[in-house]
């Protein structure tokens, strides 16, 4: 698994597969930092030290590279979220688990998360990337399902709007990718611990 969150597909020789994964990671980093629209095939090829034409031996377009990064990321994230919700026993533990998994994902798949955060709204208008909005809705439905179950059982405040609650949590958690760096002061575990303390008990002493 690379920092993009996408495992390299098996194609050709082992060295070819490795090179393909390297190019995908490089492209993801450029998309995340420079922006997808502002990144050209030549930019990626120059950074990789190859000719633009050589890049097409591995990917048919930069859109294909973006699709591979985001589809792998979103499919994996949805599978993990689904497992937490389907195997859960109580809403609070499920919500805590979803939050903890989100912080782990930010740590393990930083480039893919940053890319998704930066480009999701734009891609909603681009043909061929409908899967981004579809997978986002699937994930939202899982979180809202847990929140509504918690309200029904009396664990969560019934007066809260479930969709709005999800969005507050989502934006608070996922925006962490803009400043979190692996190897720094915090780990996914400490971030999750601090966030859950704030969510459960609030900021007032």
Protein backbone atom coordinates (compact mmCIF):
# COMPACT_ATOMS: atom_id res chain seq x y z
CA UNK A 1 0.00 0.00 0.00
CA UNK A 2 1.37 3.39 -1.00
CA UNK A 3 0.78 6.84 0.50
CA UNK A 4 -1.98 7.27 -2.09
CA UNK A 5 -3.87 4.44 -0.45
CA UNK A 6 -3.88 2.47 -3.69
CA UNK A 7 -2.19 -0.89 -3.93
CA UNK A 8 -0.35 -1.26 -7.27
CA UNK A 9 -2.12 -3.40 -9.82
CA UNK A 10 -0.26 -6.42 -11.09
CA UNK A 11 0.70 -5.68 -14.66
CA UNK A 12 3.70 -6.91 -16.59
CA UNK A 13 6.90 -7.50 -14.70
CA UNK A 14 7.45 -6.78 -11.03
CA UNK A 15 9.67 -3.85 -11.93
CA UNK A 16 6.99 -2.48 -14.29
CA UNK A 17 4.37 -2.78 -11.56
CA UNK A 18 6.65 -1.01 -9.11
CA UNK A 19 7.35 1.80 -11.57
CA UNK A 20 3.64 2.20 -12.22
CA UNK A 21 2.97 2.53 -8.48
CA UNK A 22 5.75 5.12 -8.17
CA UNK A 23 4.25 7.17 -11.01
CA UNK A 24 0.79 6.96 -9.44
CA UNK A 25 2.11 8.17 -6.08
CA UNK A 26 4.00 11.00 -7.77
CA UNK A 27 0.90 12.05 -9.69
CA UNK A 28 -1.23 11.93 -6.53
CA UNK A 29 1.22 14.17 -4.71
CA UNK A 30 1.18 16.70 -7.56
CA UNK A 31 -2.61 16.59 -7.82
CA UNK A 32 -2.93 17.10 -4.06
CA UNK A 33 -0.46 19.99 -3.82
CA UNK A 34 -0.72 21.72 -7.20
CA UNK A 35 -4.29 20.84 -8.12
CA UNK A 36 -5.57 18.39 -10.71
CA UNK A 37 -6.50 21.00 -13.31
CA UNK A 38 -3.15 22.76 -12.93
CA UNK A 39 -1.11 19.56 -13.27
CA UNK A 40 -0.23 18.42 -16.78
CA UNK A 41 1.00 15.08 -18.08
CA UNK A 42 4.28 16.81 -18.88
CA UNK A 43 4.56 18.02 -15.25
CA UNK A 44 4.23 14.43 -14.03
CA UNK A 45 6.63 13.08 -16.63
CA UNK A 46 9.22 15.78 -15.88
CA UNK A 47 9.03 15.07 -12.17
CA UNK A 48 9.48 11.37 -12.90
CA UNK A 49 12.43 12.03 -15.22
CA UNK A 50 10.75 10.49 -18.27
CA UNK A 51 9.26 11.69 -21.55
CA UNK A 52 5.54 12.46 -21.65
CA UNK A 53 5.01 9.67 -24.15
CA UNK A 54 6.52 7.15 -21.77
CA UNK A 55 3.84 7.93 -19.20
CA UNK A 56 1.22 6.66 -21.64
CA UNK A 57 2.77 3.20 -21.49
CA UNK A 58 1.41 3.01 -17.93
CA UNK A 59 -1.71 5.23 -17.99
CA UNK A 60 -3.89 6.37 -20.86
CA UNK A 61 -4.40 9.86 -19.35
CA UNK A 62 -4.04 11.91 -16.20
CA UNK A 63 -7.78 11.40 -15.67
CA UNK A 64 -7.14 7.64 -15.55
CA UNK A 65 -4.50 8.23 -12.88
CA UNK A 66 -6.89 10.31 -10.79
CA UNK A 67 -9.63 7.72 -11.20
CA UNK A 68 -7.36 4.94 -9.97
CA UNK A 69 -6.24 6.90 -6.93
CA UNK A 70 -9.70 8.04 -5.87
CA UNK A 71 -11.62 4.87 -6.68
CA UNK A 72 -9.17 2.74 -4.72
CA UNK A 73 -9.24 5.18 -1.82
CA UNK A 74 -13.02 5.55 -1.67
CA UNK A 75 -13.76 1.86 -2.17
CA UNK A 76 -11.36 0.92 0.62
CA UNK A 77 -12.72 3.60 2.96
CA UNK A 78 -16.31 2.55 2.33
CA UNK A 79 -15.45 -1.10 2.99
CA UNK A 80 -13.86 -0.22 6.34
CA UNK A 81 -16.72 2.06 7.36
CA UNK A 82 -19.24 -0.62 6.39
CA UNK A 83 -17.43 -3.25 8.46
CA UNK A 84 -17.50 -0.98 11.53
CA UNK A 85 -21.21 -0.26 11.18
CA UNK A 86 -22.29 -3.80 10.29
CA UNK A 87 -20.31 -5.40 13.12
CA UNK A 88 -21.12 -2.75 15.71
CA UNK A 89 -23.07 -3.37 18.89
CA UNK A 90 -23.90 0.15 20.09
CA UNK A 91 -24.11 3.56 18.37
CA UNK A 92 -21.55 5.39 20.51
CA UNK A 93 -18.89 2.72 19.96
CA UNK A 94 -19.72 2.68 16.24
CA UNK A 95 -19.39 6.46 15.93
CA UNK A 96 -16.15 6.40 17.89
CA UNK A 97 -14.92 3.66 15.58
CA UNK A 98 -15.78 5.64 12.46
CA UNK A 99 -13.90 8.65 13.81
CA UNK A 100 -10.87 6.59 14.81
CA UNK A 101 -10.79 4.95 11.37
CA UNK A 102 -10.94 8.38 9.74
CA UNK A 103 -7.85 9.54 11.64
CA UNK A 104 -6.04 6.29 10.76
CA UNK A 105 -6.91 6.87 7.11
CA UNK A 106 -5.53 10.41 7.23
CA UNK A 107 -2.30 8.95 8.58
CA UNK A 108 -2.06 6.01 6.17
CA UNK A 109 -3.43 7.62 3.01
CA UNK A 110 -2.54 11.28 3.40
CA UNK A 111 -2.18 12.12 -0.29
CA UNK A 112 -5.45 10.47 -1.27
CA UNK A 113 -7.31 12.21 1.56
CA UNK A 114 -5.85 15.62 0.63
CA UNK A 115 -6.68 15.03 -3.02
CA UNK A 116 -10.24 14.06 -2.18
CA UNK A 117 -10.67 17.06 0.11
CA UNK A 118 -9.37 19.45 -2.54
CA UNK A 119 -11.05 18.06 -5.63
CA UNK A 120 -14.35 16.38 -4.62
CA UNK A 121 -16.52 19.44 -5.25
CA UNK A 122 -14.93 20.13 -8.62
CA UNK A 123 -15.16 16.50 -9.72
CA UNK A 124 -18.89 16.48 -9.01
CA UNK A 125 -19.22 18.47 -12.25
CA UNK A 126 -16.86 16.34 -14.35
CA UNK A 127 -18.16 13.51 -16.53
CA UNK A 128 -16.64 10.16 -15.65
CA UNK A 129 -16.15 11.01 -11.98
CA UNK A 130 -19.71 10.43 -10.82
CA UNK A 131 -18.39 7.64 -8.60
CA UNK A 132 -16.82 10.24 -6.27
CA UNK A 133 -20.17 11.76 -5.31
CA UNK A 134 -21.83 8.33 -5.22
CA UNK A 135 -19.26 6.87 -2.83
CA UNK A 136 -19.40 10.04 -0.71
CA UNK A 137 -23.16 9.60 -0.37
CA UNK A 138 -22.68 5.94 0.57
CA UNK A 139 -20.29 6.92 3.35
CA UNK A 140 -22.55 9.71 4.56
CA UNK A 141 -25.46 7.28 4.77
CA UNK A 142 -23.43 4.97 7.02
CA UNK A 143 -22.56 7.77 9.44
CA UNK A 144 -26.12 9.12 9.53
CA UNK A 145 -27.41 5.61 10.15
CA UNK A 146 -25.26 5.41 13.27
CA UNK A 147 -26.24 8.88 14.46
CA UNK A 148 -29.94 8.17 14.01
CA UNK A 149 -29.59 4.83 15.82
CA UNK A 150 -27.96 6.68 18.71
CA UNK A 151 -30.80 9.17 18.82
CA UNK A 152 -33.39 6.40 18.75
CA UNK A 153 -31.70 4.62 21.65
CA UNK A 154 -31.31 7.81 23.68
CA UNK A 155 -27.50 7.87 23.51
CA UNK A 156 -27.32 10.98 21.30
CA UNK A 157 -29.38 14.15 21.66
CA UNK A 158 -32.61 13.81 19.70
CA UNK A 159 -32.72 17.55 18.93
CA UNK A 160 -29.61 17.37 16.73
CA UNK A 161 -30.03 17.26 12.96
CA UNK A 162 -28.33 13.98 11.90
CA UNK A 163 -27.07 15.24 8.53
CA UNK A 164 -25.75 18.47 10.03
CA UNK A 165 -24.12 16.55 12.88
CA UNK A 166 -22.38 14.31 10.36
CA UNK A 167 -21.10 17.30 8.40
CA UNK A 168 -19.76 19.03 11.52
CA UNK A 169 -17.87 15.86 12.47
CA UNK A 170 -16.73 15.13 8.92
CA UNK A 171 -15.31 18.59 8.35
CA UNK A 172 -13.67 18.73 11.76
CA UNK A 173 -11.97 15.38 11.29
CA UNK A 174 -10.99 15.37 7.62
CA UNK A 175 -9.64 18.94 7.58
CA UNK A 176 -6.89 17.61 9.86
CA UNK A 177 -5.08 16.42 6.74
CA UNK A 178 -4.12 20.04 5.97
CA UNK A 179 -1.77 20.19 8.96
CA UNK A 180 -1.21 16.65 10.23
CA UNK A 181 2.14 15.10 9.34
CA UNK A 182 3.17 11.54 10.23
CA UNK A 183 6.10 11.50 12.62
CA UNK A 184 5.08 14.75 14.28
CA UNK A 185 3.80 15.47 17.76
CA UNK A 186 0.52 13.64 17.28
CA UNK A 187 -0.42 10.15 16.16
CA UNK A 188 -3.77 8.93 14.80
CA UNK A 189 -4.47 7.55 18.26
CA UNK A 190 -3.82 10.82 20.11
CA UNK A 191 -5.83 12.79 17.56
CA UNK A 192 -8.74 10.41 17.97
CA UNK A 193 -8.46 10.50 21.76
CA UNK A 194 -8.48 14.31 21.89
CA UNK A 195 -11.30 14.63 19.37
CA UNK A 196 -13.49 12.11 21.18
CA UNK A 197 -12.93 13.85 24.52
CA UNK A 198 -14.14 17.08 22.95
CA UNK A 199 -17.10 15.35 21.28
CA UNK A 200 -18.18 13.47 24.40
CA UNK A 201 -17.59 16.02 27.13
CA UNK A 202 -17.32 19.37 25.36
CA UNK A 203 -14.78 22.11 26.08
CA UNK A 204 -16.27 23.45 29.32
CA UNK A 205 -14.66 22.30 32.59
